[in-house]
N, C-alpha and C. Protein backbone atom coordinates (compact mmCIF):
# COMPACT_ATOMS: atom_id res chain seq x y z
N MET A 1 16.02 -40.99 35.03
CA MET A 1 15.74 -41.53 33.73
C MET A 1 14.50 -42.41 33.81
N CYS A 2 13.83 -42.53 32.72
CA CYS A 2 12.65 -43.33 32.65
C CYS A 2 13.00 -44.78 32.43
N ARG A 3 12.26 -45.64 33.06
CA ARG A 3 12.45 -47.04 32.77
C ARG A 3 11.71 -47.46 31.52
N SER A 4 11.59 -48.73 31.26
CA SER A 4 10.90 -49.16 30.03
C SER A 4 9.46 -48.69 30.08
N ARG A 5 8.83 -48.68 28.91
CA ARG A 5 7.47 -48.14 28.75
C ARG A 5 6.50 -48.95 29.56
N SER A 6 6.68 -50.27 29.62
CA SER A 6 5.72 -51.07 30.39
C SER A 6 5.84 -50.81 31.88
N GLU A 7 7.03 -50.62 32.33
CA GLU A 7 7.22 -50.32 33.77
C GLU A 7 6.70 -48.95 34.08
N ALA A 8 6.94 -47.98 33.16
CA ALA A 8 6.49 -46.62 33.42
C ALA A 8 4.98 -46.55 33.44
N SER A 9 4.32 -47.29 32.57
CA SER A 9 2.86 -47.22 32.56
C SER A 9 2.31 -47.87 33.83
N ARG A 10 2.96 -48.93 34.30
CA ARG A 10 2.52 -49.56 35.52
C ARG A 10 2.62 -48.65 36.70
N GLU A 11 3.68 -47.84 36.70
CA GLU A 11 3.87 -46.99 37.87
C GLU A 11 3.27 -45.63 37.67
N GLY A 12 2.64 -45.34 36.52
CA GLY A 12 2.01 -44.06 36.32
C GLY A 12 2.99 -42.95 36.01
N LEU A 13 4.13 -43.34 35.45
CA LEU A 13 5.16 -42.34 35.17
C LEU A 13 5.24 -41.90 33.73
N THR A 14 4.26 -42.29 32.91
CA THR A 14 4.32 -41.94 31.47
C THR A 14 4.37 -40.41 31.28
N ASP A 15 3.60 -39.70 32.04
CA ASP A 15 3.60 -38.24 31.90
C ASP A 15 4.93 -37.68 32.25
N GLN A 16 5.60 -38.24 33.24
CA GLN A 16 6.89 -37.75 33.68
C GLN A 16 7.93 -38.00 32.61
N CYS A 17 7.88 -39.09 31.87
CA CYS A 17 8.86 -39.43 30.86
C CYS A 17 8.69 -38.52 29.66
N LYS A 18 7.45 -38.19 29.34
CA LYS A 18 7.16 -37.35 28.17
C LYS A 18 7.65 -35.91 28.38
N HIS A 19 7.72 -35.48 29.62
CA HIS A 19 8.03 -34.07 29.85
C HIS A 19 9.40 -33.91 30.50
N GLN A 20 10.34 -34.75 30.19
CA GLN A 20 11.65 -34.62 30.75
C GLN A 20 12.48 -33.60 29.93
N ARG A 21 11.99 -33.09 28.85
CA ARG A 21 12.69 -32.10 28.05
C ARG A 21 12.90 -30.87 28.87
N GLY A 22 14.05 -30.24 28.71
CA GLY A 22 14.40 -29.04 29.47
C GLY A 22 13.37 -27.94 29.30
N ARG A 23 13.19 -27.09 30.29
CA ARG A 23 12.19 -26.02 30.26
C ARG A 23 12.56 -24.97 29.21
N GLY A 24 13.83 -24.77 28.92
CA GLY A 24 14.26 -23.72 27.98
C GLY A 24 14.14 -24.13 26.51
N GLU A 25 13.99 -25.41 26.27
CA GLU A 25 13.95 -25.87 24.89
C GLU A 25 12.55 -25.61 24.29
N PRO A 26 12.55 -24.95 23.10
CA PRO A 26 11.26 -24.76 22.45
C PRO A 26 10.65 -26.10 21.96
N ARG A 27 9.39 -26.18 21.99
CA ARG A 27 8.72 -27.34 21.51
C ARG A 27 8.79 -27.38 20.00
N ARG A 28 9.14 -28.50 19.42
CA ARG A 28 9.22 -28.62 17.99
C ARG A 28 7.93 -29.11 17.41
N HIS A 29 7.49 -28.41 16.37
CA HIS A 29 6.25 -28.79 15.66
C HIS A 29 6.67 -29.55 14.42
N THR A 30 6.30 -30.81 14.36
CA THR A 30 6.74 -31.58 13.17
C THR A 30 5.56 -32.22 12.50
N ILE A 31 5.69 -32.43 11.24
CA ILE A 31 4.74 -33.14 10.48
C ILE A 31 4.96 -34.61 10.74
N THR A 32 4.02 -35.51 10.41
CA THR A 32 4.13 -36.93 10.75
C THR A 32 5.42 -37.56 10.26
N ASN A 33 5.99 -37.16 9.14
CA ASN A 33 7.21 -37.79 8.68
C ASN A 33 8.46 -37.09 9.22
N GLY A 34 8.34 -36.18 10.16
CA GLY A 34 9.47 -35.63 10.85
C GLY A 34 10.00 -34.34 10.29
N VAL A 35 9.35 -33.69 9.34
CA VAL A 35 9.83 -32.42 8.76
C VAL A 35 9.42 -31.29 9.74
N ASP A 36 10.35 -30.44 9.99
CA ASP A 36 10.16 -29.34 10.96
C ASP A 36 9.34 -28.23 10.29
N TYR A 37 8.27 -27.76 11.00
CA TYR A 37 7.45 -26.64 10.47
C TYR A 37 8.27 -25.36 10.31
N GLY A 38 9.14 -25.13 11.24
CA GLY A 38 9.99 -23.94 11.20
C GLY A 38 10.85 -23.94 9.98
N LEU A 39 11.40 -25.12 9.61
CA LEU A 39 12.21 -25.26 8.43
C LEU A 39 11.40 -25.01 7.17
N LEU A 40 10.20 -25.53 7.14
CA LEU A 40 9.28 -25.31 5.97
C LEU A 40 8.98 -23.85 5.84
N LYS A 41 8.73 -23.18 6.99
CA LYS A 41 8.36 -21.75 6.96
C LYS A 41 9.57 -20.94 6.45
N LYS A 42 10.77 -21.27 6.92
CA LYS A 42 11.97 -20.54 6.50
C LYS A 42 12.20 -20.77 4.96
N MET A 43 11.99 -21.99 4.51
CA MET A 43 12.17 -22.31 3.07
C MET A 43 11.19 -21.48 2.26
N LYS A 44 9.98 -21.38 2.73
CA LYS A 44 8.95 -20.62 2.03
C LYS A 44 9.33 -19.13 1.99
N GLU A 45 9.82 -18.58 3.11
CA GLU A 45 10.26 -17.22 3.16
C GLU A 45 11.42 -16.96 2.15
N LEU A 46 12.36 -17.85 2.15
CA LEU A 46 13.50 -17.71 1.25
C LEU A 46 13.08 -17.80 -0.22
N GLU A 47 12.13 -18.67 -0.48
CA GLU A 47 11.62 -18.78 -1.90
C GLU A 47 10.87 -17.50 -2.29
N GLN A 48 10.15 -16.96 -1.36
CA GLN A 48 9.42 -15.69 -1.63
C GLN A 48 10.46 -14.56 -1.83
N GLU A 49 11.49 -14.50 -1.01
CA GLU A 49 12.53 -13.47 -1.18
C GLU A 49 13.20 -13.61 -2.57
N LYS A 50 13.49 -14.84 -2.94
CA LYS A 50 14.08 -15.11 -4.26
C LYS A 50 13.17 -14.62 -5.37
N ASP A 51 11.88 -14.92 -5.26
CA ASP A 51 10.91 -14.43 -6.27
C ASP A 51 10.91 -12.94 -6.39
N PHE A 52 10.91 -12.25 -5.23
CA PHE A 52 10.90 -10.78 -5.24
C PHE A 52 12.23 -10.25 -5.85
N LEU A 53 13.34 -10.89 -5.55
CA LEU A 53 14.61 -10.48 -6.15
C LEU A 53 14.61 -10.65 -7.64
N LEU A 54 14.11 -11.76 -8.10
CA LEU A 54 14.04 -11.97 -9.58
C LEU A 54 13.11 -10.98 -10.25
N GLN A 55 11.96 -10.71 -9.60
CA GLN A 55 11.04 -9.71 -10.11
C GLN A 55 11.73 -8.34 -10.14
N GLY A 56 12.45 -8.02 -9.11
CA GLY A 56 13.17 -6.74 -9.07
C GLY A 56 14.28 -6.66 -10.13
N LEU A 57 14.98 -7.78 -10.35
CA LEU A 57 16.01 -7.80 -11.38
C LEU A 57 15.43 -7.53 -12.72
N GLU A 58 14.28 -8.13 -13.03
CA GLU A 58 13.58 -7.88 -14.30
C GLU A 58 13.20 -6.39 -14.42
N MET A 59 12.69 -5.82 -13.32
CA MET A 59 12.31 -4.41 -13.35
C MET A 59 13.55 -3.52 -13.54
N VAL A 60 14.62 -3.88 -12.86
CA VAL A 60 15.84 -3.06 -13.03
C VAL A 60 16.37 -3.10 -14.44
N GLU A 61 16.32 -4.29 -15.07
CA GLU A 61 16.72 -4.39 -16.48
C GLU A 61 15.87 -3.52 -17.37
N ARG A 62 14.55 -3.53 -17.16
CA ARG A 62 13.65 -2.72 -17.97
C ARG A 62 13.89 -1.23 -17.67
N ALA A 63 14.14 -0.92 -16.41
CA ALA A 63 14.43 0.47 -16.02
C ALA A 63 15.71 0.94 -16.65
N ARG A 64 16.69 0.08 -16.69
CA ARG A 64 17.99 0.44 -17.32
C ARG A 64 17.75 0.81 -18.81
N ASP A 65 17.00 -0.02 -19.48
CA ASP A 65 16.70 0.29 -20.93
C ASP A 65 16.00 1.63 -21.05
N TRP A 66 15.01 1.86 -20.15
CA TRP A 66 14.29 3.11 -20.19
C TRP A 66 15.17 4.33 -19.92
N TYR A 67 16.04 4.19 -18.89
CA TYR A 67 16.96 5.23 -18.57
C TYR A 67 17.88 5.59 -19.73
N LEU A 68 18.41 4.52 -20.41
CA LEU A 68 19.30 4.75 -21.57
C LEU A 68 18.56 5.48 -22.68
N GLN A 69 17.29 5.07 -22.92
CA GLN A 69 16.49 5.69 -23.94
C GLN A 69 16.27 7.18 -23.59
N GLN A 70 15.97 7.46 -22.33
CA GLN A 70 15.72 8.83 -21.93
C GLN A 70 17.01 9.68 -22.02
N VAL A 71 18.16 9.11 -21.73
CA VAL A 71 19.40 9.84 -21.86
C VAL A 71 19.65 10.17 -23.33
N GLN A 72 19.34 9.27 -24.25
CA GLN A 72 19.49 9.54 -25.66
C GLN A 72 18.56 10.67 -26.11
N VAL A 73 17.33 10.67 -25.61
CA VAL A 73 16.35 11.71 -25.95
C VAL A 73 16.87 13.09 -25.49
N VAL A 74 17.38 13.09 -24.23
CA VAL A 74 17.89 14.37 -23.69
C VAL A 74 19.08 14.86 -24.43
N GLN A 75 19.99 13.95 -24.77
CA GLN A 75 21.21 14.36 -25.56
C GLN A 75 20.77 14.89 -26.92
N GLU A 76 19.80 14.27 -27.55
CA GLU A 76 19.31 14.77 -28.84
C GLU A 76 18.69 16.15 -28.68
N GLN A 77 17.93 16.38 -27.61
CA GLN A 77 17.37 17.71 -27.37
C GLN A 77 18.45 18.74 -27.13
N GLN A 78 19.51 18.34 -26.46
CA GLN A 78 20.64 19.25 -26.18
C GLN A 78 21.30 19.65 -27.49
N ARG A 79 21.49 18.68 -28.35
CA ARG A 79 22.10 18.97 -29.67
C ARG A 79 21.26 19.91 -30.49
N ASN A 80 19.96 19.74 -30.44
CA ASN A 80 19.04 20.55 -31.26
C ASN A 80 18.57 21.81 -30.59
N LEU A 81 18.98 22.07 -29.37
CA LEU A 81 18.53 23.22 -28.64
C LEU A 81 19.01 24.51 -29.32
N GLY A 82 18.09 25.41 -29.53
CA GLY A 82 18.46 26.68 -30.14
C GLY A 82 18.37 26.68 -31.69
N LYS A 83 18.21 25.55 -32.24
CA LYS A 83 18.11 25.47 -33.73
C LYS A 83 16.73 25.85 -34.28
N SER A 84 15.74 25.76 -33.40
CA SER A 84 14.37 26.08 -33.78
C SER A 84 13.89 27.24 -33.00
N PRO A 85 13.16 28.20 -33.64
CA PRO A 85 12.67 29.38 -32.89
C PRO A 85 11.64 29.02 -31.84
N THR A 86 10.99 27.88 -32.02
CA THR A 86 9.94 27.46 -31.06
C THR A 86 10.55 26.92 -29.78
N ASP A 87 11.83 26.66 -29.74
CA ASP A 87 12.46 26.14 -28.52
C ASP A 87 12.30 27.06 -27.34
N TYR A 88 12.29 28.38 -27.59
CA TYR A 88 12.21 29.36 -26.52
C TYR A 88 10.82 29.41 -25.90
N PHE A 89 9.83 29.01 -26.64
CA PHE A 89 8.45 29.13 -26.16
C PHE A 89 7.81 27.79 -25.80
N CYS A 90 8.55 26.77 -25.86
CA CYS A 90 8.00 25.38 -25.63
C CYS A 90 8.01 25.12 -24.13
N GLU A 91 6.85 25.15 -23.50
CA GLU A 91 6.69 24.89 -22.10
C GLU A 91 6.23 23.43 -21.84
N GLY A 92 5.70 22.75 -22.83
CA GLY A 92 5.13 21.42 -22.60
C GLY A 92 6.21 20.42 -22.12
N LYS A 93 7.37 20.52 -22.69
CA LYS A 93 8.48 19.60 -22.36
C LYS A 93 8.94 19.83 -20.91
N SER A 94 9.05 21.09 -20.48
CA SER A 94 9.55 21.36 -19.11
C SER A 94 8.51 20.92 -18.10
N SER A 95 7.20 21.01 -18.43
CA SER A 95 6.19 20.58 -17.43
C SER A 95 6.24 19.05 -17.27
N SER A 96 6.52 18.32 -18.36
CA SER A 96 6.65 16.85 -18.20
C SER A 96 7.88 16.53 -17.38
N LEU A 97 8.94 17.33 -17.54
CA LEU A 97 10.13 17.11 -16.74
C LEU A 97 9.83 17.40 -15.27
N ASN A 98 9.04 18.42 -14.97
CA ASN A 98 8.67 18.74 -13.61
C ASN A 98 7.87 17.61 -12.95
N LEU A 99 7.09 16.90 -13.77
CA LEU A 99 6.32 15.78 -13.23
C LEU A 99 7.21 14.55 -13.02
N ARG A 100 8.13 14.36 -13.91
CA ARG A 100 9.00 13.14 -13.86
C ARG A 100 10.16 13.29 -12.89
N LEU A 101 10.65 14.50 -12.69
CA LEU A 101 11.84 14.70 -11.89
C LEU A 101 11.71 14.23 -10.44
N PRO A 102 10.64 14.54 -9.74
CA PRO A 102 10.46 14.00 -8.35
C PRO A 102 10.39 12.48 -8.34
N LYS A 103 9.75 11.90 -9.32
CA LYS A 103 9.68 10.41 -9.35
C LYS A 103 11.06 9.81 -9.60
N LEU A 104 11.79 10.41 -10.53
CA LEU A 104 13.17 9.93 -10.78
C LEU A 104 14.07 10.05 -9.55
N GLN A 105 13.92 11.19 -8.89
CA GLN A 105 14.75 11.40 -7.68
C GLN A 105 14.40 10.35 -6.63
N GLU A 106 13.09 10.08 -6.45
CA GLU A 106 12.65 9.13 -5.47
C GLU A 106 13.12 7.71 -5.82
N VAL A 107 13.00 7.32 -7.08
CA VAL A 107 13.49 6.01 -7.51
C VAL A 107 14.94 5.90 -7.27
N ASN A 108 15.74 6.91 -7.65
CA ASN A 108 17.18 6.86 -7.48
C ASN A 108 17.55 6.75 -6.01
N ARG A 109 16.83 7.53 -5.18
CA ARG A 109 17.09 7.48 -3.75
C ARG A 109 16.82 6.10 -3.16
N CYS A 110 15.67 5.51 -3.53
CA CYS A 110 15.30 4.21 -3.02
C CYS A 110 16.32 3.14 -3.48
N LEU A 111 16.74 3.18 -4.73
CA LEU A 111 17.70 2.24 -5.21
C LEU A 111 19.04 2.39 -4.46
N GLY A 112 19.45 3.65 -4.24
CA GLY A 112 20.69 3.89 -3.51
C GLY A 112 20.63 3.36 -2.08
N GLU A 113 19.45 3.58 -1.41
CA GLU A 113 19.31 3.06 -0.05
C GLU A 113 19.32 1.51 -0.05
N LEU A 114 18.69 0.93 -1.03
CA LEU A 114 18.63 -0.55 -1.10
C LEU A 114 20.02 -1.12 -1.30
N ILE A 115 20.80 -0.49 -2.20
CA ILE A 115 22.17 -0.99 -2.43
C ILE A 115 23.05 -0.78 -1.23
N ALA A 116 22.91 0.40 -0.60
CA ALA A 116 23.75 0.71 0.60
C ALA A 116 23.42 -0.27 1.73
N ALA A 117 22.13 -0.58 1.89
CA ALA A 117 21.71 -1.52 2.98
C ALA A 117 22.23 -2.89 2.67
N GLY A 118 22.32 -3.31 1.42
CA GLY A 118 22.81 -4.60 1.05
C GLY A 118 24.31 -4.72 1.29
N LYS A 119 25.04 -3.59 1.09
CA LYS A 119 26.48 -3.62 1.27
C LYS A 119 26.86 -3.57 2.73
N SER A 120 26.11 -2.76 3.51
CA SER A 120 26.50 -2.54 4.90
C SER A 120 26.25 -3.75 5.79
N SER A 121 25.22 -4.50 5.53
CA SER A 121 25.03 -5.67 6.39
C SER A 121 24.58 -6.86 5.51
N ALA A 122 25.38 -7.92 5.65
CA ALA A 122 25.03 -9.16 4.95
C ALA A 122 23.85 -9.79 5.61
N PRO A 123 22.95 -10.42 4.85
CA PRO A 123 21.78 -11.05 5.47
C PRO A 123 22.17 -12.18 6.40
N CYS A 124 21.55 -12.23 7.54
CA CYS A 124 21.81 -13.26 8.51
C CYS A 124 20.90 -14.43 8.20
N PRO A 125 21.47 -15.65 8.09
CA PRO A 125 20.62 -16.79 7.69
C PRO A 125 19.63 -17.17 8.77
N SER A 126 19.90 -16.81 10.07
CA SER A 126 18.99 -17.27 11.12
C SER A 126 17.86 -16.31 11.38
N THR A 127 17.99 -15.08 10.93
CA THR A 127 16.89 -14.11 11.19
C THR A 127 16.39 -13.57 9.87
N HIS A 128 15.14 -13.22 9.92
CA HIS A 128 14.49 -12.60 8.70
C HIS A 128 14.77 -11.10 8.74
N ALA A 129 15.05 -10.51 7.60
CA ALA A 129 15.45 -9.10 7.52
C ALA A 129 14.36 -8.14 7.87
N GLY A 130 13.14 -8.60 8.08
CA GLY A 130 12.01 -7.69 8.36
C GLY A 130 10.81 -8.13 7.61
N PRO A 131 9.79 -7.26 7.54
CA PRO A 131 8.60 -7.64 6.81
C PRO A 131 8.88 -7.78 5.30
N ALA A 132 8.13 -8.62 4.70
CA ALA A 132 8.29 -8.88 3.25
C ALA A 132 7.98 -7.59 2.54
N PRO A 133 8.68 -7.32 1.44
CA PRO A 133 8.41 -6.08 0.69
C PRO A 133 7.02 -6.08 0.13
N ALA A 134 6.51 -4.88 -0.02
CA ALA A 134 5.12 -4.75 -0.52
C ALA A 134 5.00 -5.30 -1.91
N PRO A 135 3.92 -5.94 -2.24
CA PRO A 135 3.74 -6.45 -3.58
C PRO A 135 3.71 -5.27 -4.57
N PRO A 136 3.95 -5.49 -5.89
CA PRO A 136 3.97 -4.41 -6.85
C PRO A 136 2.70 -3.58 -6.85
N GLY A 137 1.55 -4.22 -6.67
CA GLY A 137 0.30 -3.51 -6.63
C GLY A 137 0.27 -2.51 -5.46
N GLN A 138 0.75 -2.95 -4.33
CA GLN A 138 0.85 -2.09 -3.16
C GLN A 138 1.80 -0.91 -3.36
N GLN A 139 2.90 -1.18 -4.03
CA GLN A 139 3.87 -0.13 -4.32
C GLN A 139 3.22 0.95 -5.24
N ALA A 140 2.46 0.48 -6.23
CA ALA A 140 1.74 1.42 -7.11
C ALA A 140 0.75 2.26 -6.33
N VAL A 141 0.00 1.64 -5.41
CA VAL A 141 -0.94 2.37 -4.62
C VAL A 141 -0.23 3.39 -3.77
N THR A 142 0.89 3.00 -3.15
CA THR A 142 1.66 3.95 -2.32
C THR A 142 2.15 5.12 -3.14
N MET A 143 2.66 4.85 -4.34
CA MET A 143 3.17 5.90 -5.19
C MET A 143 2.04 6.83 -5.60
N LEU A 144 0.85 6.28 -5.93
CA LEU A 144 -0.28 7.11 -6.31
C LEU A 144 -0.78 7.95 -5.15
N LYS A 145 -0.76 7.38 -3.92
CA LYS A 145 -1.15 8.13 -2.74
C LYS A 145 -0.20 9.32 -2.54
N GLU A 146 1.10 9.11 -2.71
CA GLU A 146 2.05 10.17 -2.53
C GLU A 146 1.86 11.26 -3.59
N GLN A 147 1.63 10.83 -4.82
CA GLN A 147 1.41 11.79 -5.90
C GLN A 147 0.11 12.58 -5.61
N ASN A 148 -0.94 11.90 -5.15
CA ASN A 148 -2.18 12.52 -4.83
C ASN A 148 -1.96 13.55 -3.72
N ARG A 149 -1.15 13.20 -2.71
CA ARG A 149 -0.88 14.10 -1.60
C ARG A 149 -0.18 15.35 -2.12
N LEU A 150 0.80 15.20 -3.01
CA LEU A 150 1.55 16.34 -3.56
C LEU A 150 0.62 17.25 -4.41
N LEU A 151 -0.23 16.60 -5.19
CA LEU A 151 -1.17 17.36 -6.02
C LEU A 151 -2.18 18.12 -5.18
N THR A 152 -2.64 17.48 -4.10
CA THR A 152 -3.56 18.12 -3.22
C THR A 152 -2.92 19.34 -2.55
N LYS A 153 -1.69 19.20 -2.13
CA LYS A 153 -0.94 20.28 -1.50
C LYS A 153 -0.79 21.42 -2.47
N GLU A 154 -0.47 21.09 -3.75
CA GLU A 154 -0.30 22.11 -4.79
C GLU A 154 -1.60 22.86 -5.04
N VAL A 155 -2.72 22.11 -5.14
CA VAL A 155 -4.03 22.72 -5.36
C VAL A 155 -4.38 23.65 -4.21
N SER A 156 -4.07 23.21 -2.99
CA SER A 156 -4.36 23.99 -1.80
C SER A 156 -3.58 25.31 -1.80
N GLU A 157 -2.29 25.22 -2.16
CA GLU A 157 -1.46 26.41 -2.27
C GLU A 157 -1.96 27.38 -3.32
N LYS A 158 -2.36 26.83 -4.48
CA LYS A 158 -2.91 27.66 -5.57
C LYS A 158 -4.23 28.33 -5.14
N SER A 159 -5.03 27.57 -4.43
CA SER A 159 -6.33 28.10 -3.94
C SER A 159 -6.09 29.22 -2.95
N ASP A 160 -5.13 29.06 -2.07
CA ASP A 160 -4.80 30.14 -1.13
C ASP A 160 -4.32 31.39 -1.86
N ARG A 161 -3.51 31.17 -2.92
CA ARG A 161 -2.98 32.27 -3.70
C ARG A 161 -4.13 33.01 -4.41
N ILE A 162 -5.07 32.25 -4.95
CA ILE A 162 -6.24 32.86 -5.64
C ILE A 162 -7.04 33.68 -4.64
N THR A 163 -7.27 33.14 -3.46
CA THR A 163 -8.03 33.88 -2.41
C THR A 163 -7.28 35.18 -2.11
N GLN A 164 -5.99 35.14 -1.95
CA GLN A 164 -5.20 36.32 -1.63
C GLN A 164 -5.34 37.35 -2.73
N LEU A 165 -5.23 36.88 -4.00
CA LEU A 165 -5.34 37.81 -5.11
C LEU A 165 -6.73 38.45 -5.22
N GLU A 166 -7.75 37.63 -4.93
CA GLU A 166 -9.13 38.23 -4.92
C GLU A 166 -9.29 39.28 -3.87
N GLN A 167 -8.71 39.05 -2.68
CA GLN A 167 -8.79 40.04 -1.61
C GLN A 167 -8.06 41.34 -2.01
N GLU A 168 -6.89 41.18 -2.63
CA GLU A 168 -6.14 42.33 -3.12
C GLU A 168 -6.91 43.09 -4.18
N LYS A 169 -7.57 42.33 -5.08
CA LYS A 169 -8.40 42.95 -6.11
C LYS A 169 -9.53 43.78 -5.50
N SER A 170 -10.22 43.19 -4.51
CA SER A 170 -11.34 43.89 -3.85
C SER A 170 -10.83 45.13 -3.17
N ALA A 171 -9.66 45.09 -2.54
CA ALA A 171 -9.10 46.27 -1.87
C ALA A 171 -8.76 47.35 -2.89
N LEU A 172 -8.19 46.96 -4.01
CA LEU A 172 -7.85 47.93 -5.07
C LEU A 172 -9.12 48.59 -5.67
N ILE A 173 -10.15 47.77 -5.87
CA ILE A 173 -11.41 48.34 -6.41
C ILE A 173 -11.99 49.33 -5.40
N LYS A 174 -11.97 49.01 -4.12
CA LYS A 174 -12.45 49.90 -3.09
C LYS A 174 -11.66 51.19 -3.09
N GLN A 175 -10.32 51.07 -3.19
CA GLN A 175 -9.47 52.29 -3.23
C GLN A 175 -9.80 53.12 -4.45
N LEU A 176 -10.07 52.51 -5.60
CA LEU A 176 -10.39 53.21 -6.82
C LEU A 176 -11.69 54.00 -6.66
N PHE A 177 -12.72 53.38 -6.11
CA PHE A 177 -13.99 54.09 -5.90
C PHE A 177 -13.85 55.21 -4.88
N GLU A 178 -13.06 55.00 -3.86
CA GLU A 178 -12.81 56.06 -2.85
C GLU A 178 -12.11 57.23 -3.48
N ALA A 179 -11.13 56.95 -4.30
CA ALA A 179 -10.37 58.02 -5.00
C ALA A 179 -11.28 58.81 -5.92
N ARG A 180 -12.17 58.11 -6.61
CA ARG A 180 -13.11 58.81 -7.50
C ARG A 180 -14.10 59.65 -6.69
N ALA A 181 -14.49 59.13 -5.55
CA ALA A 181 -15.50 59.86 -4.76
C ALA A 181 -14.89 61.14 -4.18
N ARG A 182 -13.60 61.11 -3.89
CA ARG A 182 -12.91 62.31 -3.38
C ARG A 182 -12.59 63.34 -4.48
N GLY A 183 -12.46 62.88 -5.70
CA GLY A 183 -12.10 63.69 -6.82
C GLY A 183 -13.32 64.48 -7.32
N ALA A 184 -13.13 65.30 -8.38
CA ALA A 184 -14.17 66.08 -8.99
C ALA A 184 -15.22 65.16 -9.59
N PRO A 185 -16.51 65.49 -9.46
CA PRO A 185 -17.59 64.61 -9.93
C PRO A 185 -17.51 64.36 -11.43
N GLU A 186 -17.33 65.39 -12.24
CA GLU A 186 -17.29 65.22 -13.68
C GLU A 186 -16.00 65.81 -14.26
N SER A 187 -14.86 65.45 -13.67
CA SER A 187 -13.63 66.02 -14.10
C SER A 187 -13.22 65.67 -15.53
N ASN A 188 -13.50 64.46 -15.95
CA ASN A 188 -13.14 64.06 -17.30
C ASN A 188 -14.12 63.04 -17.79
N PRO A 189 -14.81 63.38 -18.93
CA PRO A 189 -15.79 62.40 -19.45
C PRO A 189 -15.19 61.13 -19.98
N MET A 190 -13.89 61.15 -20.30
CA MET A 190 -13.20 59.96 -20.79
C MET A 190 -12.79 58.99 -19.70
N ASP A 191 -12.92 59.49 -18.44
CA ASP A 191 -12.47 58.67 -17.29
C ASP A 191 -13.63 57.76 -16.88
N SER A 192 -13.82 56.72 -17.56
CA SER A 192 -14.86 55.71 -17.19
C SER A 192 -14.22 54.37 -17.15
N THR A 193 -14.06 53.86 -15.99
CA THR A 193 -13.36 52.55 -15.79
C THR A 193 -14.41 51.48 -15.64
N PHE A 194 -14.33 50.44 -16.44
CA PHE A 194 -15.18 49.30 -16.35
C PHE A 194 -14.54 48.23 -15.46
N ILE A 195 -15.33 47.76 -14.55
CA ILE A 195 -14.83 46.74 -13.60
C ILE A 195 -15.69 45.50 -13.71
């Protein structure tokens, strides 16, 4: 143990007294009035998590209203289906469904995973659950990137199909000219194909 401060300074033991803390103990970083930096950091993280949860709650409430509105629209369409002759030829509605359906499935999947993760493991107060969730702007960018990737894939598939059809067309034209060349030169004056 260290003796009084005056004795320690006389004997050159001040450094020894200051470093008697055990080797395994982490050094505490404190502000001048004794508040722990780690505690402040944890409080800030918890406040940020609370803000994200409140933001999410607001979005879920708005999403709930939107879902209910869409259910009403679909129910109305079901009731009116077949009453109008244009129902059979209306493709605009189904294409909008094709665009919305993957997004709805993704949102439902993400919400399900979030709820399941919340039920399976309670948050531990001593550890942080992982990186902070992406801000709403970043989520929008991620969603747009995914949509862009899907559209690029679709364009690529359509382009490949167009190339295949053009090759088939060229082969058919070649076969047509070969068949004409083998046939009688002037067999039928009405047989003139425009290509």
